[in-house]
Amino acid sequence: MKKRSGRKMSEETCSRLNAYMTLEACFIMPIAVILTAFLLILSLYLYTVCFLNQAAYIAAFRASLTEGAGYVREEKAGEELEKLLLEALISLPETQREITASSSGVTVVLTAQWTLPGLSILPADVGTLQIKAEKEALVRDAPAFIRGMRKLSGITDSG
């Protein structure tokens, strides 16, 4: 029986360690990079959803505090929304806005097309997400609302 030399064992150990490093570089590193990119894209998407919901509610709330008819509140909501969307971290060029104001409240609906980075190379149309934020703020002028409801009930009783 031949006895293996200590030098020969260390060469085998080195080649095994090199093989493990190669496997790690081939499998584990790409998975880590893909997961990191996925988490980054997910965080940007969640930021966009939160930002649009907040912008819609703030614009509706500030417009609900405005005195005047419905068109005045709609204009105020549009102005506030424009200011808020300019402060966005991620620019959303395809944002549709729908603002409606009534005597009871102001409703702001924002719809945005969000293009996912890096997925536009795929042949299917999976690189675009639609984000919709709909918020309503009630008018806080309670005395005027009560007077209006009494007038309406008086009209229906006499008619």
C-alpha atoms as a PDB file:
ATOM      1  CA  MET A   1       0.000   0.000   0.000  1.00  0.00           C
ATOM      2  CA  LYS A   2       1.194   3.341  -0.944  1.00  0.00           C
ATOM      3  CA  LYS A   3       0.739   6.145   1.455  1.00  0.00           C
ATOM      4  CA  ARG A   4      -0.476   9.424   0.052  1.00  0.00           C
ATOM      5  CA  SER A   5       1.735  12.343   0.580  1.00  0.00           C
ATOM      6  CA  GLY A   6       0.554  15.437   2.401  1.00  0.00           C
ATOM      7  CA  ARG A   7       1.225  17.540  -0.672  1.00  0.00           C
ATOM      8  CA  LYS A   8      -1.055  15.426  -2.839  1.00  0.00           C
ATOM      9  CA  MET A   9      -3.941  15.775  -0.318  1.00  0.00           C
ATOM     10  CA  SER A  10      -3.720  19.530  -0.267  1.00  0.00           C
ATOM     11  CA  GLU A  11      -3.940  19.671  -4.075  1.00  0.00           C
ATOM     12  CA  GLU A  12      -7.091  17.557  -4.024  1.00  0.00           C
ATOM     13  CA  THR A  13      -8.555  19.764  -1.312  1.00  0.00           C
ATOM     14  CA  CYS A  14      -7.750  22.871  -3.338  1.00  0.00           C
ATOM     15  CA  SER A  15      -9.396  21.482  -6.439  1.00  0.00           C
ATOM     16  CA  ARG A  16     -12.526  20.606  -4.434  1.00  0.00           C
ATOM     17  CA  LEU A  17     -12.661  24.092  -2.954  1.00  0.00           C
ATOM     18  CA  ASN A  18     -12.282  25.563  -6.441  1.00  0.00           C
ATOM     19  CA  ALA A  19     -15.182  23.405  -7.614  1.00  0.00           C
ATOM     20  CA  TYR A  20     -17.373  24.686  -4.775  1.00  0.00           C
ATOM     21  CA  MET A  21     -16.465  28.266  -5.628  1.00  0.00           C
ATOM     22  CA  THR A  22     -17.375  27.652  -9.266  1.00  0.00           C
ATOM     23  CA  LEU A  23     -20.766  26.199  -8.287  1.00  0.00           C
ATOM     24  CA  GLU A  24     -21.423  29.140  -6.003  1.00  0.00           C
ATOM     25  CA  ALA A  25     -20.542  31.602  -8.744  1.00  0.00           C
ATOM     26  CA  CYS A  26     -22.766  29.788 -11.262  1.00  0.00           C
ATOM     27  CA  PHE A  27     -25.891  29.268  -9.171  1.00  0.00           C
ATOM     28  CA  ILE A  28     -25.984  31.264  -5.965  1.00  0.00           C
ATOM     29  CA  MET A  29     -24.729  34.643  -7.227  1.00  0.00           C
ATOM     30  CA  PRO A  30     -27.261  34.974 -10.104  1.00  0.00           C
ATOM     31  CA  ILE A  31     -30.079  34.031  -7.742  1.00  0.00           C
ATOM     32  CA  ALA A  32     -28.902  36.662  -5.262  1.00  0.00           C
ATOM     33  CA  VAL A  33     -28.724  39.318  -7.993  1.00  0.00           C
ATOM     34  CA  ILE A  34     -32.188  38.426  -9.334  1.00  0.00           C
ATOM     35  CA  LEU A  35     -33.724  38.527  -5.839  1.00  0.00           C
ATOM     36  CA  THR A  36     -32.099  41.881  -5.119  1.00  0.00           C
ATOM     37  CA  ALA A  37     -33.425  43.319  -8.396  1.00  0.00           C
ATOM     38  CA  PHE A  38     -36.895  41.909  -7.663  1.00  0.00           C
ATOM     39  CA  LEU A  39     -36.946  43.517  -4.200  1.00  0.00           C
ATOM     40  CA  LEU A  40     -35.821  46.834  -5.673  1.00  0.00           C
ATOM     41  CA  ILE A  41     -38.584  46.764  -8.313  1.00  0.00           C
ATOM     42  CA  LEU A  42     -41.152  45.738  -5.680  1.00  0.00           C
ATOM     43  CA  SER A  43     -40.157  48.613  -3.414  1.00  0.00           C
ATOM     44  CA  LEU A  44     -40.445  51.117  -6.294  1.00  0.00           C
ATOM     45  CA  TYR A  45     -43.896  49.739  -7.167  1.00  0.00           C
ATOM     46  CA  LEU A  46     -45.102  49.977  -3.567  1.00  0.00           C
ATOM     47  CA  TYR A  47     -43.749  53.520  -3.317  1.00  0.00           C
ATOM     48  CA  THR A  48     -45.694  54.481  -6.437  1.00  0.00           C
ATOM     49  CA  VAL A  49     -48.934  52.957  -5.120  1.00  0.00           C
ATOM     50  CA  CYS A  50     -48.559  54.717  -1.744  1.00  0.00           C
ATOM     51  CA  PHE A  51     -47.621  58.022  -3.371  1.00  0.00           C
ATOM     52  CA  LEU A  52     -50.610  58.032  -5.728  1.00  0.00           C
ATOM     53  CA  ASN A  53     -53.033  57.159  -2.918  1.00  0.00           C
ATOM     54  CA  GLN A  54     -51.610  59.896  -0.710  1.00  0.00           C
ATOM     55  CA  ALA A  55     -51.658  62.489  -3.508  1.00  0.00           C
ATOM     56  CA  ALA A  56     -55.272  61.647  -4.387  1.00  0.00           C
ATOM     57  CA  TYR A  57     -56.436  61.932  -0.774  1.00  0.00           C
ATOM     58  CA  ILE A  58     -54.541  65.152  -0.009  1.00  0.00           C
ATOM     59  CA  ALA A  59     -55.903  66.820  -3.153  1.00  0.00           C
ATOM     60  CA  ALA A  60     -59.453  65.707  -2.334  1.00  0.00           C
ATOM     61  CA  PHE A  61     -59.161  66.798   1.304  1.00  0.00           C
ATOM     62  CA  ARG A  62     -57.751  70.244   0.507  1.00  0.00           C
ATOM     63  CA  ALA A  63     -60.419  70.787  -2.140  1.00  0.00           C
ATOM     64  CA  SER A  64     -63.152  69.766   0.311  1.00  0.00           C
ATOM     65  CA  LEU A  65     -62.105  72.619   2.607  1.00  0.00           C
ATOM     66  CA  THR A  66     -62.597  75.172  -0.192  1.00  0.00           C
ATOM     67  CA  GLU A  67     -65.734  77.318  -0.120  1.00  0.00           C
ATOM     68  CA  GLY A  68     -67.789  77.556  -3.277  1.00  0.00           C
ATOM     69  CA  ALA A  69     -69.522  75.465  -5.891  1.00  0.00           C
ATOM     70  CA  GLY A  70     -68.414  72.108  -7.238  1.00  0.00           C
ATOM     71  CA  TYR A  71     -66.360  73.525 -10.118  1.00  0.00           C
ATOM     72  CA  VAL A  72     -64.342  75.647  -7.656  1.00  0.00           C
ATOM     73  CA  ARG A  73     -63.520  72.549  -5.651  1.00  0.00           C
ATOM     74  CA  GLU A  74     -62.607  70.654  -8.837  1.00  0.00           C
ATOM     75  CA  GLU A  75     -60.185  73.419  -9.855  1.00  0.00           C
ATOM     76  CA  LYS A  76     -58.649  73.486  -6.372  1.00  0.00           C
ATOM     77  CA  ALA A  77     -58.208  69.688  -6.422  1.00  0.00           C
ATOM     78  CA  GLY A  78     -56.570  69.919  -9.860  1.00  0.00           C
ATOM     79  CA  GLU A  79     -54.129  72.593  -8.661  1.00  0.00           C
ATOM     80  CA  GLU A  80     -53.225  70.633  -5.533  1.00  0.00           C
ATOM     81  CA  LEU A  81     -52.820  67.434  -7.508  1.00  0.00           C
ATOM     82  CA  GLU A  82     -50.504  69.140  -9.972  1.00  0.00           C
ATOM     83  CA  LYS A  83     -48.300  70.401  -7.127  1.00  0.00           C
ATOM     84  CA  LEU A  84     -48.183  66.973  -5.476  1.00  0.00           C
ATOM     85  CA  LEU A  85     -47.370  65.057  -8.672  1.00  0.00           C
ATOM     86  CA  LEU A  86     -44.427  67.354  -9.381  1.00  0.00           C
ATOM     87  CA  GLU A  87     -42.851  66.168  -6.097  1.00  0.00           C
ATOM     88  CA  ALA A  88     -42.871  62.491  -7.127  1.00  0.00           C
ATOM     89  CA  LEU A  89     -39.631  60.558  -6.860  1.00  0.00           C
ATOM     90  CA  ILE A  90     -40.554  58.487  -9.914  1.00  0.00           C
ATOM     91  CA  SER A  91     -42.019  60.376 -12.848  1.00  0.00           C
ATOM     92  CA  LEU A  92     -45.267  58.913 -14.170  1.00  0.00           C
ATOM     93  CA  PRO A  93     -45.869  60.396 -17.622  1.00  0.00           C
ATOM     94  CA  GLU A  94     -49.065  58.435 -18.330  1.00  0.00           C
ATOM     95  CA  THR A  95     -51.254  59.566 -15.422  1.00  0.00           C
ATOM     96  CA  GLN A  96     -54.974  60.073 -16.042  1.00  0.00           C
ATOM     97  CA  ARG A  97     -56.945  62.199 -13.588  1.00  0.00           C
ATOM     98  CA  GLU A  98     -60.635  62.308 -12.879  1.00  0.00           C
ATOM     99  CA  ILE A  99     -61.922  64.830 -10.355  1.00  0.00           C
ATOM    100  CA  THR A 100     -65.582  65.076  -9.363  1.00  0.00           C
ATOM    101  CA  ALA A 101     -67.015  67.406  -6.766  1.00  0.00           C
ATOM    102  CA  SER A 102     -70.495  67.458  -5.300  1.00  0.00           C
ATOM    103  CA  SER A 103     -72.151  69.115  -2.341  1.00  0.00           C
ATOM    104  CA  SER A 104     -71.210  66.177  -0.118  1.00  0.00           C
ATOM    105  CA  GLY A 105     -67.589  65.569  -1.120  1.00  0.00           C
ATOM    106  CA  VAL A 106     -64.716  65.567  -3.574  1.00  0.00           C
ATOM    107  CA  THR A 107     -63.514  62.416  -5.330  1.00  0.00           C
ATOM    108  CA  VAL A 108     -60.113  62.146  -7.015  1.00  0.00           C
ATOM    109  CA  VAL A 109     -59.251  59.148  -9.191  1.00  0.00           C
ATOM    110  CA  LEU A 110     -55.693  58.680 -10.459  1.00  0.00           C
ATOM    111  CA  THR A 111     -54.755  55.980 -12.940  1.00  0.00           C
ATOM    112  CA  ALA A 112     -51.119  55.483 -13.892  1.00  0.00           C
ATOM    113  CA  GLN A 113     -49.312  53.154 -16.259  1.00  0.00           C
ATOM    114  CA  TRP A 114     -46.101  52.001 -14.571  1.00  0.00           C
ATOM    115  CA  THR A 115     -43.484  50.393 -16.785  1.00  0.00           C
ATOM    116  CA  LEU A 116     -41.387  47.794 -15.017  1.00  0.00           C
ATOM    117  CA  PRO A 117     -37.698  48.310 -15.661  1.00  0.00           C
ATOM    118  CA  GLY A 118     -36.013  45.505 -17.580  1.00  0.00           C
ATOM    119  CA  LEU A 119     -39.180  43.602 -18.521  1.00  0.00           C
ATOM    120  CA  SER A 120     -39.766  45.446 -21.769  1.00  0.00           C
ATOM    121  CA  ILE A 121     -37.417  43.002 -23.522  1.00  0.00           C
ATOM    122  CA  LEU A 122     -39.942  40.177 -23.096  1.00  0.00           C
ATOM    123  CA  PRO A 123     -42.197  39.441 -26.081  1.00  0.00           C
ATOM    124  CA  ALA A 124     -45.394  39.458 -24.001  1.00  0.00           C
ATOM    125  CA  ASP A 125     -46.886  42.655 -22.631  1.00  0.00           C
ATOM    126  CA  VAL A 126     -45.903  41.993 -19.019  1.00  0.00           C
ATOM    127  CA  GLY A 127     -43.748  45.058 -18.591  1.00  0.00           C
ATOM    128  CA  THR A 128     -46.605  47.458 -17.726  1.00  0.00           C
ATOM    129  CA  LEU A 129     -48.748  47.622 -14.607  1.00  0.00           C
ATOM    130  CA  GLN A 130     -51.822  49.761 -14.088  1.00  0.00           C
ATOM    131  CA  ILE A 131     -52.114  51.497 -10.729  1.00  0.00           C
ATOM    132  CA  LYS A 132     -55.433  53.044  -9.693  1.00  0.00           C
ATOM    133  CA  ALA A 133     -55.923  55.272  -6.664  1.00  0.00           C
ATOM    134  CA  GLU A 134     -59.423  56.496  -5.780  1.00  0.00           C
ATOM    135  CA  LYS A 135     -59.945  58.685  -2.721  1.00  0.00           C
ATOM    136  CA  GLU A 136     -62.880  60.720  -1.460  1.00  0.00           C
ATOM    137  CA  ALA A 137     -63.027  63.480   1.126  1.00  0.00           C
ATOM    138  CA  LEU A 138     -66.321  64.662   2.548  1.00  0.00           C
ATOM    139  CA  VAL A 139     -67.147  68.352   2.718  1.00  0.00           C
ATOM    140  CA  ARG A 140     -66.598  69.542   6.285  1.00  0.00           C
ATOM    141  CA  ASP A 141     -69.054  72.472   6.212  1.00  0.00           C
ATOM    142  CA  ALA A 142     -71.774  70.809   8.290  1.00  0.00           C
ATOM    143  CA  PRO A 143     -74.120  73.824   8.802  1.00  0.00           C
ATOM    144  CA  ALA A 144     -74.343  74.539   5.078  1.00  0.00           C
ATOM    145  CA  PHE A 145     -74.953  70.863   4.376  1.00  0.00           C
ATOM    146  CA  ILE A 146     -77.745  70.679   6.949  1.00  0.00           C
ATOM    147  CA  ARG A 147     -79.374  73.850   5.559  1.00  0.00           C
ATOM    148  CA  GLY A 148     -79.201  72.391   2.062  1.00  0.00           C
ATOM    149  CA  MET A 149     -80.774  69.121   3.156  1.00  0.00           C
ATOM    150  CA  ARG A 150     -83.597  71.015   4.930  1.00  0.00           C
ATOM    151  CA  LYS A 151     -84.247  73.029   1.771  1.00  0.00           C
ATOM    152  CA  LEU A 152     -84.333  69.857  -0.296  1.00  0.00           C
ATOM    153  CA  SER A 153     -86.716  68.166   2.114  1.00  0.00           C
ATOM    154  CA  GLY A 154     -88.931  71.295   2.070  1.00  0.00           C
ATOM    155  CA  ILE A 155     -89.036  71.190  -1.716  1.00  0.00           C
ATOM    156  CA  THR A 156     -90.090  67.549  -1.763  1.00  0.00           C
ATOM    157  CA  ASP A 157     -92.770  68.097   0.928  1.00  0.00           C
ATOM    158  CA  SER A 158     -94.371  71.075  -0.871  1.00  0.00           C
ATOM    159  CA  GLY A 159     -94.065  69.531  -4.383  1.00  0.00           C
END
